[in-house]
C-alpha atoms as a PDB file:
ATOM      1  CA  MET A   1       0.086   0.144   0.073  1.00  0.00           C
ATOM      2  CA  LEU A   2       1.128   3.351  -0.808  1.00  0.00           C
ATOM      3  CA  ILE A   3       1.438   6.187   1.703  1.00  0.00           C
ATOM      4  CA  PHE A   4       0.541   9.765   0.770  1.00  0.00           C
ATOM      5  CA  PRO A   5       1.691  12.353   3.213  1.00  0.00           C
ATOM      6  CA  ALA A   6      -0.359  15.401   3.043  1.00  0.00           C
ATOM      7  CA  ILE A   7       0.463  19.193   2.706  1.00  0.00           C
ATOM      8  CA  ASP A   8      -2.703  21.252   2.671  1.00  0.00           C
ATOM      9  CA  LEU A   9      -1.964  24.759   1.435  1.00  0.00           C
ATOM     10  CA  ARG A  10      -3.604  27.888   2.471  1.00  0.00           C
ATOM     11  CA  GLY A  11      -1.941  31.252   1.542  1.00  0.00           C
ATOM     12  CA  GLY A  12       1.165  29.311   0.682  1.00  0.00           C
ATOM     13  CA  ARG A  13       1.526  27.867   4.237  1.00  0.00           C
ATOM     14  CA  VAL A  14       0.752  24.201   5.558  1.00  0.00           C
ATOM     15  CA  VAL A  15      -2.275  24.021   7.515  1.00  0.00           C
ATOM     16  CA  ARG A  16      -4.829  21.593   8.554  1.00  0.00           C
ATOM     17  CA  LEU A  17      -8.645  22.025   9.070  1.00  0.00           C
ATOM     18  CA  LYS A  18     -10.955  20.143  11.268  1.00  0.00           C
ATOM     19  CA  GLN A  19     -13.849  18.474   9.577  1.00  0.00           C
ATOM     20  CA  GLY A  20     -13.106  20.800   6.489  1.00  0.00           C
ATOM     21  CA  ASP A  21     -14.033  23.785   8.550  1.00  0.00           C
ATOM     22  CA  TYR A  22     -12.047  26.776   7.222  1.00  0.00           C
ATOM     23  CA  ASP A  23     -12.772  28.548  10.857  1.00  0.00           C
ATOM     24  CA  GLN A  24     -11.099  25.711  12.413  1.00  0.00           C
ATOM     25  CA  MET A  25      -7.780  25.790  10.868  1.00  0.00           C
ATOM     26  CA  THR A  26      -4.126  25.258  12.359  1.00  0.00           C
ATOM     27  CA  VAL A  27      -0.920  26.493  10.811  1.00  0.00           C
ATOM     28  CA  TYR A  28       1.841  23.893  11.006  1.00  0.00           C
ATOM     29  CA  ASP A  29       4.572  25.233   8.758  1.00  0.00           C
ATOM     30  CA  ALA A  30       5.058  28.378   6.901  1.00  0.00           C
ATOM     31  CA  ASP A  31       7.399  26.683   4.330  1.00  0.00           C
ATOM     32  CA  PRO A  32       5.867  23.751   2.606  1.00  0.00           C
ATOM     33  CA  GLU A  33       8.936  22.865   0.722  1.00  0.00           C
ATOM     34  CA  GLU A  34      10.635  22.154   4.153  1.00  0.00           C
ATOM     35  CA  THR A  35       7.739  19.820   4.921  1.00  0.00           C
ATOM     36  CA  ALA A  36       8.239  18.231   1.742  1.00  0.00           C
ATOM     37  CA  GLU A  37      11.823  17.685   2.167  1.00  0.00           C
ATOM     38  CA  SER A  38      11.205  16.037   5.598  1.00  0.00           C
ATOM     39  CA  PHE A  39       8.904  13.580   3.992  1.00  0.00           C
ATOM     40  CA  VAL A  40      11.672  12.545   1.429  1.00  0.00           C
ATOM     41  CA  HIS A  41      14.032  12.138   4.207  1.00  0.00           C
ATOM     42  CA  ALA A  42      11.667   9.929   6.100  1.00  0.00           C
ATOM     43  CA  GLY A  43      11.494   7.580   3.014  1.00  0.00           C
ATOM     44  CA  ALA A  44       8.307   8.971   1.381  1.00  0.00           C
ATOM     45  CA  THR A  45       7.817   8.320  -2.362  1.00  0.00           C
ATOM     46  CA  CYS A  46       4.382  10.025  -2.627  1.00  0.00           C
ATOM     47  CA  LEU A  47       2.585  13.294  -1.830  1.00  0.00           C
ATOM     48  CA  HIS A  48      -0.828  14.393  -1.750  1.00  0.00           C
ATOM     49  CA  ALA A  49      -1.401  18.269  -1.819  1.00  0.00           C
ATOM     50  CA  VAL A  50      -4.491  20.414  -1.536  1.00  0.00           C
ATOM     51  CA  ASP A  51      -4.980  23.880  -2.710  1.00  0.00           C
ATOM     52  CA  LEU A  52      -7.538  24.804   0.135  1.00  0.00           C
ATOM     53  CA  ASP A  53      -7.949  28.218  -1.189  1.00  0.00           C
ATOM     54  CA  GLY A  54      -8.606  26.918  -4.531  1.00  0.00           C
ATOM     55  CA  ALA A  55     -11.260  24.349  -3.075  1.00  0.00           C
ATOM     56  CA  LYS A  56     -13.007  27.190  -1.561  1.00  0.00           C
ATOM     57  CA  ASP A  57     -12.946  29.919  -4.339  1.00  0.00           C
ATOM     58  CA  GLY A  58     -13.368  27.479  -7.159  1.00  0.00           C
ATOM     59  CA  ASN A  59      -9.804  28.440  -8.967  1.00  0.00           C
ATOM     60  CA  PRO A  60      -6.304  27.313  -8.161  1.00  0.00           C
ATOM     61  CA  GLN A  61      -4.186  29.932  -6.152  1.00  0.00           C
ATOM     62  CA  ASN A  62      -1.044  28.223  -4.894  1.00  0.00           C
ATOM     63  CA  ARG A  63       0.576  27.361  -8.089  1.00  0.00           C
ATOM     64  CA  LYS A  64       3.979  28.720  -7.493  1.00  0.00           C
ATOM     65  CA  VAL A  65       4.192  26.493  -4.154  1.00  0.00           C
ATOM     66  CA  ILE A  66       2.854  23.396  -6.043  1.00  0.00           C
ATOM     67  CA  ALA A  67       5.560  23.799  -8.530  1.00  0.00           C
ATOM     68  CA  ALA A  68       8.069  23.995  -6.082  1.00  0.00           C
ATOM     69  CA  LEU A  69       6.861  21.039  -4.518  1.00  0.00           C
ATOM     70  CA  CYS A  70       7.024  19.025  -7.808  1.00  0.00           C
ATOM     71  CA  ARG A  71      10.907  19.519  -7.579  1.00  0.00           C
ATOM     72  CA  PHE A  72      11.093  16.960  -4.889  1.00  0.00           C
ATOM     73  CA  PRO A  73      11.322  13.197  -5.953  1.00  0.00           C
ATOM     74  CA  LEU A  74       7.724  12.416  -5.180  1.00  0.00           C
ATOM     75  CA  PHE A  75       4.595  11.150  -7.101  1.00  0.00           C
ATOM     76  CA  THR A  76       2.659  14.130  -6.466  1.00  0.00           C
ATOM     77  CA  GLU A  77      -1.253  14.312  -6.590  1.00  0.00           C
ATOM     78  CA  VAL A  78      -2.746  17.783  -6.407  1.00  0.00           C
ATOM     79  CA  GLY A  79      -6.419  18.847  -5.804  1.00  0.00           C
ATOM     80  CA  GLY A  80      -8.504  21.875  -4.953  1.00  0.00           C
ATOM     81  CA  GLY A  81     -10.367  24.398  -7.397  1.00  0.00           C
ATOM     82  CA  ILE A  82      -9.757  22.400 -10.541  1.00  0.00           C
ATOM     83  CA  ARG A  83     -12.780  23.030 -12.345  1.00  0.00           C
ATOM     84  CA  THR A  84     -11.861  23.132 -16.020  1.00  0.00           C
ATOM     85  CA  GLU A  85      -9.666  21.316 -18.725  1.00  0.00           C
ATOM     86  CA  LYS A  86      -7.334  24.274 -18.785  1.00  0.00           C
ATOM     87  CA  ASP A  87      -6.868  23.959 -14.935  1.00  0.00           C
ATOM     88  CA  ILE A  88      -6.070  20.290 -15.346  1.00  0.00           C
ATOM     89  CA  GLU A  89      -3.501  21.015 -18.144  1.00  0.00           C
ATOM     90  CA  ASP A  90      -2.064  23.982 -16.074  1.00  0.00           C
ATOM     91  CA  THR A  91      -1.589  21.655 -13.172  1.00  0.00           C
ATOM     92  CA  LEU A  92      -0.026  18.898 -15.196  1.00  0.00           C
ATOM     93  CA  ALA A  93       2.415  21.417 -16.525  1.00  0.00           C
ATOM     94  CA  LEU A  94       3.665  22.326 -13.043  1.00  0.00           C
ATOM     95  CA  GLY A  95       5.105  18.635 -12.783  1.00  0.00           C
ATOM     96  CA  VAL A  96       2.327  17.124 -11.037  1.00  0.00           C
ATOM     97  CA  ASP A  97       1.784  13.531 -11.564  1.00  0.00           C
ATOM     98  CA  ARG A  98      -2.099  13.255 -10.914  1.00  0.00           C
ATOM     99  CA  VAL A  99      -4.618  15.847 -10.856  1.00  0.00           C
ATOM    100  CA  ILE A 100      -7.553  15.445  -8.604  1.00  0.00           C
ATOM    101  CA  LEU A 101     -11.187  16.560  -9.605  1.00  0.00           C
ATOM    102  CA  GLY A 102     -13.552  17.560  -6.799  1.00  0.00           C
ATOM    103  CA  THR A 103     -16.666  19.544  -7.206  1.00  0.00           C
ATOM    104  CA  ALA A 104     -16.551  19.725 -11.133  1.00  0.00           C
ATOM    105  CA  ALA A 105     -16.512  15.667 -11.059  1.00  0.00           C
ATOM    106  CA  VAL A 106     -20.120  15.951  -9.501  1.00  0.00           C
ATOM    107  CA  THR A 107     -21.533  18.988 -10.908  1.00  0.00           C
ATOM    108  CA  ASP A 108     -20.651  18.110 -14.540  1.00  0.00           C
ATOM    109  CA  PHE A 109     -20.509  14.358 -14.981  1.00  0.00           C
ATOM    110  CA  ASP A 110     -20.061  14.756 -18.837  1.00  0.00           C
ATOM    111  CA  PHE A 111     -17.124  16.682 -18.333  1.00  0.00           C
ATOM    112  CA  THR A 112     -15.550  14.028 -15.724  1.00  0.00           C
ATOM    113  CA  THR A 113     -16.049  11.357 -18.359  1.00  0.00           C
ATOM    114  CA  ARG A 114     -14.440  13.287 -21.149  1.00  0.00           C
ATOM    115  CA  MET A 115     -11.511  14.269 -19.100  1.00  0.00           C
ATOM    116  CA  GLY A 116     -11.030  10.678 -17.722  1.00  0.00           C
ATOM    117  CA  ARG A 117     -11.099   9.523 -21.219  1.00  0.00           C
ATOM    118  CA  LYS A 118      -8.574  12.073 -22.163  1.00  0.00           C
ATOM    119  CA  TYR A 119      -6.187  12.116 -19.115  1.00  0.00           C
ATOM    120  CA  GLY A 120      -6.556   8.415 -17.918  1.00  0.00           C
ATOM    121  CA  ASP A 121      -4.123   7.706 -15.053  1.00  0.00           C
ATOM    122  CA  HIS A 122      -3.286  11.321 -14.753  1.00  0.00           C
ATOM    123  CA  LEU A 123      -6.755  12.116 -13.286  1.00  0.00           C
ATOM    124  CA  ALA A 124      -8.191  10.865 -10.181  1.00  0.00           C
ATOM    125  CA  VAL A 125     -11.628  12.081  -8.485  1.00  0.00           C
ATOM    126  CA  GLY A 126     -11.678  13.069  -4.856  1.00  0.00           C
ATOM    127  CA  VAL A 127     -15.090  11.897  -3.192  1.00  0.00           C
ATOM    128  CA  ASP A 128     -15.768  13.623  -0.097  1.00  0.00           C
ATOM    129  CA  ALA A 129     -18.696  11.999   2.076  1.00  0.00           C
ATOM    130  CA  LYS A 130     -20.667  13.384   4.794  1.00  0.00           C
ATOM    131  CA  ASP A 131     -23.323  10.836   6.234  1.00  0.00           C
ATOM    132  CA  GLY A 132     -22.832   8.747   2.980  1.00  0.00           C
ATOM    133  CA  PHE A 133     -23.607  11.594   0.529  1.00  0.00           C
ATOM    134  CA  VAL A 134     -20.904  13.498  -1.731  1.00  0.00           C
ATOM    135  CA  ALA A 135     -19.954  16.837  -0.457  1.00  0.00           C
ATOM    136  CA  ILE A 136     -18.706  19.678  -2.889  1.00  0.00           C
ATOM    137  CA  HIS A 137     -17.530  23.120  -2.709  1.00  0.00           C
ATOM    138  CA  GLY A 138     -14.709  22.718  -0.246  1.00  0.00           C
ATOM    139  CA  TRP A 139     -17.143  20.273   1.934  1.00  0.00           C
ATOM    140  CA  ARG A 140     -19.553  23.156   2.379  1.00  0.00           C
ATOM    141  CA  THR A 141     -22.375  21.778   0.153  1.00  0.00           C
ATOM    142  CA  VAL A 142     -23.765  18.253   0.937  1.00  0.00           C
ATOM    143  CA  THR A 143     -25.461  16.724  -2.450  1.00  0.00           C
ATOM    144  CA  ASP A 144     -28.232  13.920  -2.706  1.00  0.00           C
ATOM    145  CA  THR A 145     -25.718  11.746  -4.468  1.00  0.00           C
ATOM    146  CA  PRO A 146     -24.719   8.535  -2.370  1.00  0.00           C
ATOM    147  CA  SER A 147     -21.010   8.320  -2.394  1.00  0.00           C
ATOM    148  CA  PHE A 148     -20.650   4.652  -3.085  1.00  0.00           C
ATOM    149  CA  ASP A 149     -22.944   4.751  -5.917  1.00  0.00           C
ATOM    150  CA  PHE A 150     -20.723   7.828  -7.367  1.00  0.00           C
ATOM    151  CA  CYS A 151     -17.563   5.874  -7.189  1.00  0.00           C
ATOM    152  CA  ARG A 152     -19.341   3.030  -9.041  1.00  0.00           C
ATOM    153  CA  ARG A 153     -20.259   5.478 -11.755  1.00  0.00           C
ATOM    154  CA  LEU A 154     -16.838   6.687 -12.063  1.00  0.00           C
ATOM    155  CA  VAL A 155     -15.319   3.274 -12.749  1.00  0.00           C
ATOM    156  CA  GLU A 156     -18.231   2.819 -15.274  1.00  0.00           C
ATOM    157  CA  VAL A 157     -16.610   5.696 -17.203  1.00  0.00           C
ATOM    158  CA  GLY A 158     -13.138   4.790 -17.104  1.00  0.00           C
ATOM    159  CA  ILE A 159     -11.946   6.692 -13.940  1.00  0.00           C
ATOM    160  CA  HIS A 160     -10.357   4.241 -11.512  1.00  0.00           C
ATOM    161  CA  THR A 161      -8.538   6.114  -8.865  1.00  0.00           C
ATOM    162  CA  VAL A 162     -10.774   7.778  -6.016  1.00  0.00           C
ATOM    163  CA  ILE A 163      -9.487   9.765  -2.918  1.00  0.00           C
ATOM    164  CA  TYR A 164     -12.327   8.931  -0.510  1.00  0.00           C
ATOM    165  CA  THR A 165     -12.616  11.033   2.507  1.00  0.00           C
ATOM    166  CA  ASP A 166     -15.225  10.637   5.436  1.00  0.00           C
ATOM    167  CA  ILE A 167     -15.461  14.348   6.455  1.00  0.00           C
ATOM    168  CA  SER A 168     -16.891  13.386   9.838  1.00  0.00           C
ATOM    169  CA  LYS A 169     -13.369  11.652  10.668  1.00  0.00           C
ATOM    170  CA  ASP A 170     -11.305  14.381   9.104  1.00  0.00           C
ATOM    171  CA  GLY A 171      -8.979  16.329  11.313  1.00  0.00           C
ATOM    172  CA  LEU A 172     -10.016  14.667  14.657  1.00  0.00           C
ATOM    173  CA  LEU A 173      -7.369  12.223  15.456  1.00  0.00           C
ATOM    174  CA  GLU A 174      -9.910   9.562  16.586  1.00  0.00           C
ATOM    175  CA  GLY A 175      -9.639   7.049  13.598  1.00  0.00           C
ATOM    176  CA  THR A 176     -10.780   6.667  10.047  1.00  0.00           C
ATOM    177  CA  ASN A 177     -13.892   4.900   8.572  1.00  0.00           C
ATOM    178  CA  LEU A 178     -12.507   1.431   8.070  1.00  0.00           C
ATOM    179  CA  PRO A 179     -16.027  -0.195   7.190  1.00  0.00           C
ATOM    180  CA  ALA A 180     -16.501   2.477   4.257  1.00  0.00           C
ATOM    181  CA  TYR A 181     -13.070   1.224   2.741  1.00  0.00           C
ATOM    182  CA  ALA A 182     -13.985  -2.418   3.254  1.00  0.00           C
ATOM    183  CA  GLN A 183     -17.183  -1.804   1.368  1.00  0.00           C
ATOM    184  CA  LEU A 184     -15.294   0.335  -1.512  1.00  0.00           C
ATOM    185  CA  GLN A 185     -13.098  -2.635  -1.968  1.00  0.00           C
ATOM    186  CA  THR A 186     -16.102  -4.594  -3.341  1.00  0.00           C
ATOM    187  CA  ILE A 187     -16.268  -2.293  -6.203  1.00  0.00           C
ATOM    188  CA  PRO A 188     -14.412  -3.976  -9.270  1.00  0.00           C
ATOM    189  CA  GLY A 189     -11.818  -1.917 -10.912  1.00  0.00           C
ATOM    190  CA  LEU A 190     -11.726   0.902  -8.210  1.00  0.00           C
ATOM    191  CA  GLN A 191      -8.291   1.969  -6.966  1.00  0.00           C
ATOM    192  CA  VAL A 192      -9.038   3.540  -3.472  1.00  0.00           C
ATOM    193  CA  VAL A 193      -6.822   6.033  -1.628  1.00  0.00           C
ATOM    194  CA  ALA A 194      -8.228   6.283   1.937  1.00  0.00           C
ATOM    195  CA  SER A 195      -8.195   9.808   3.414  1.00  0.00           C
ATOM    196  CA  GLY A 196      -9.707  11.242   6.635  1.00  0.00           C
ATOM    197  CA  GLY A 197      -8.700  10.582  10.186  1.00  0.00           C
ATOM    198  CA  ILE A 198      -6.028   8.043  10.043  1.00  0.00           C
ATOM    199  CA  SER A 199      -4.470   8.045  13.342  1.00  0.00           C
ATOM    200  CA  PHE A 200      -3.219   4.798  14.428  1.00  0.00           C
ATOM    201  CA  GLU A 201      -0.626   2.316  13.290  1.00  0.00           C
ATOM    202  CA  GLN A 202      -3.530  -0.501  13.632  1.00  0.00           C
ATOM    203  CA  GLU A 203      -5.494   1.512  11.083  1.00  0.00           C
ATOM    204  CA  VAL A 204      -2.838   1.542   8.549  1.00  0.00           C
ATOM    205  CA  ALA A 205      -2.166  -2.190   8.983  1.00  0.00           C
ATOM    206  CA  ALA A 206      -5.946  -2.621   8.428  1.00  0.00           C
ATOM    207  CA  LEU A 207      -6.106  -0.772   5.226  1.00  0.00           C
ATOM    208  CA  ARG A 208      -3.200  -2.826   3.957  1.00  0.00           C
ATOM    209  CA  ASP A 209      -4.701  -5.964   4.770  1.00  0.00           C
ATOM    210  CA  LEU A 210      -7.905  -4.945   2.891  1.00  0.00           C
ATOM    211  CA  ARG A 211      -5.448  -4.328  -0.009  1.00  0.00           C
ATOM    212  CA  VAL A 212      -6.408  -0.633  -0.249  1.00  0.00           C
ATOM    213  CA  TYR A 213      -4.242   1.070  -3.028  1.00  0.00           C
ATOM    214  CA  GLY A 214      -3.026   4.048  -0.909  1.00  0.00           C
ATOM    215  CA  ALA A 215      -3.764   6.010   2.125  1.00  0.00           C
ATOM    216  CA  ILE A 216      -3.318   9.621   2.991  1.00  0.00           C
ATOM    217  CA  VAL A 217      -1.780  10.737   6.419  1.00  0.00           C
ATOM    218  CA  GLY A 218      -2.000  14.182   7.471  1.00  0.00           C
ATOM    219  CA  LYS A 219      -2.914  15.446  10.917  1.00  0.00           C
ATOM    220  CA  ALA A 220      -1.604  12.523  12.780  1.00  0.00           C
ATOM    221  CA  LEU A 221       1.799  13.173  11.306  1.00  0.00           C
ATOM    222  CA  TYR A 222       1.804  16.857  12.313  1.00  0.00           C
ATOM    223  CA  ALA A 223       0.664  16.255  15.788  1.00  0.00           C
ATOM    224  CA  GLY A 224       3.058  13.457  16.308  1.00  0.00           C
ATOM    225  CA  GLU A 225       0.557  10.606  16.821  1.00  0.00           C
ATOM    226  CA  LEU A 226       2.156   8.956  13.875  1.00  0.00           C
ATOM    227  CA  SER A 227       5.638   8.447  12.758  1.00  0.00           C
ATOM    228  CA  LEU A 228       6.129   8.586   8.916  1.00  0.00           C
ATOM    229  CA  PRO A 229       8.991   5.994   8.897  1.00  0.00           C
ATOM    230  CA  ARG A 230       6.914   3.542  10.911  1.00  0.00           C
ATOM    231  CA  VAL A 231       3.833   4.248   8.829  1.00  0.00           C
ATOM    232  CA  LEU A 232       5.804   3.514   5.574  1.00  0.00           C
ATOM    233  CA  THR A 233       7.318   0.259   7.046  1.00  0.00           C
ATOM    234  CA  ILE A 234       3.834  -1.032   8.191  1.00  0.00           C
ATOM    235  CA  ALA A 235       2.273  -0.328   4.948  1.00  0.00           C
ATOM    236  CA  ARG A 236       5.021  -2.179   3.039  1.00  0.00           C
ATOM    237  CA  GLY A 237       4.477  -5.258   5.560  1.00  0.00           C
ATOM    238  CA  GLU A 238       7.854  -4.687   7.074  1.00  0.00           C
ATOM    239  CA  ALA A 239       6.885  -3.800  10.563  1.00  0.00           C
ATOM    240  CA  VAL A 240       4.379  -4.917  12.946  1.00  0.00           C
ATOM    241  CA  GLU A 241       1.910  -2.198  14.153  1.00  0.00           C
ATOM    242  CA  CYS A 242       1.916  -1.368  17.970  1.00  0.00           C
END
């Protein structure tokens, strides 16, 4: 299982939100490049970055920082405010390996289908769920679209990588929604990146044993609840969880 340490960007700084609430934000580092460098030194090979300003306002705003992050030897996926094909092209041009659609994937499914066919593995969809329904616009609006059904639709149109976040678990350091990931693993052809609330080594091991493709770790790293080198070895099956 791949581990994606997370860098959430707001105003060019590394921050974390609590349950997606922009009014409950903690600033962890003013220098995202130093954070990325620490991930590399810990042995990471992947990076998950989110432009929170872009997610909130509907257009990418941290491109300069993201371009700097792409200079590190990390497979980098980026989301936040990507709404158009030009946004996709411009983001990939920064050196990003995979672009994540969010709100646009839900509000314009025809667009999502076309982009999936054109960009293939360079495109993923972030499915943010609240009480089992897809949330959009930086988690502020909950739709009537069931999240698992939406994931099935994505596979049907050729988009296989999904970053699935249970908003109710995000940023609380109380654990993730393991039953949701077990259910997602029953969808043929779906490549799941687990996100939201991963706080314990046992959860990393459980996701690995479910054969989940990848897992994002964020606040637990910044708060010192998880050690990135340990998480990486557990994900590879080279260490036993505590």
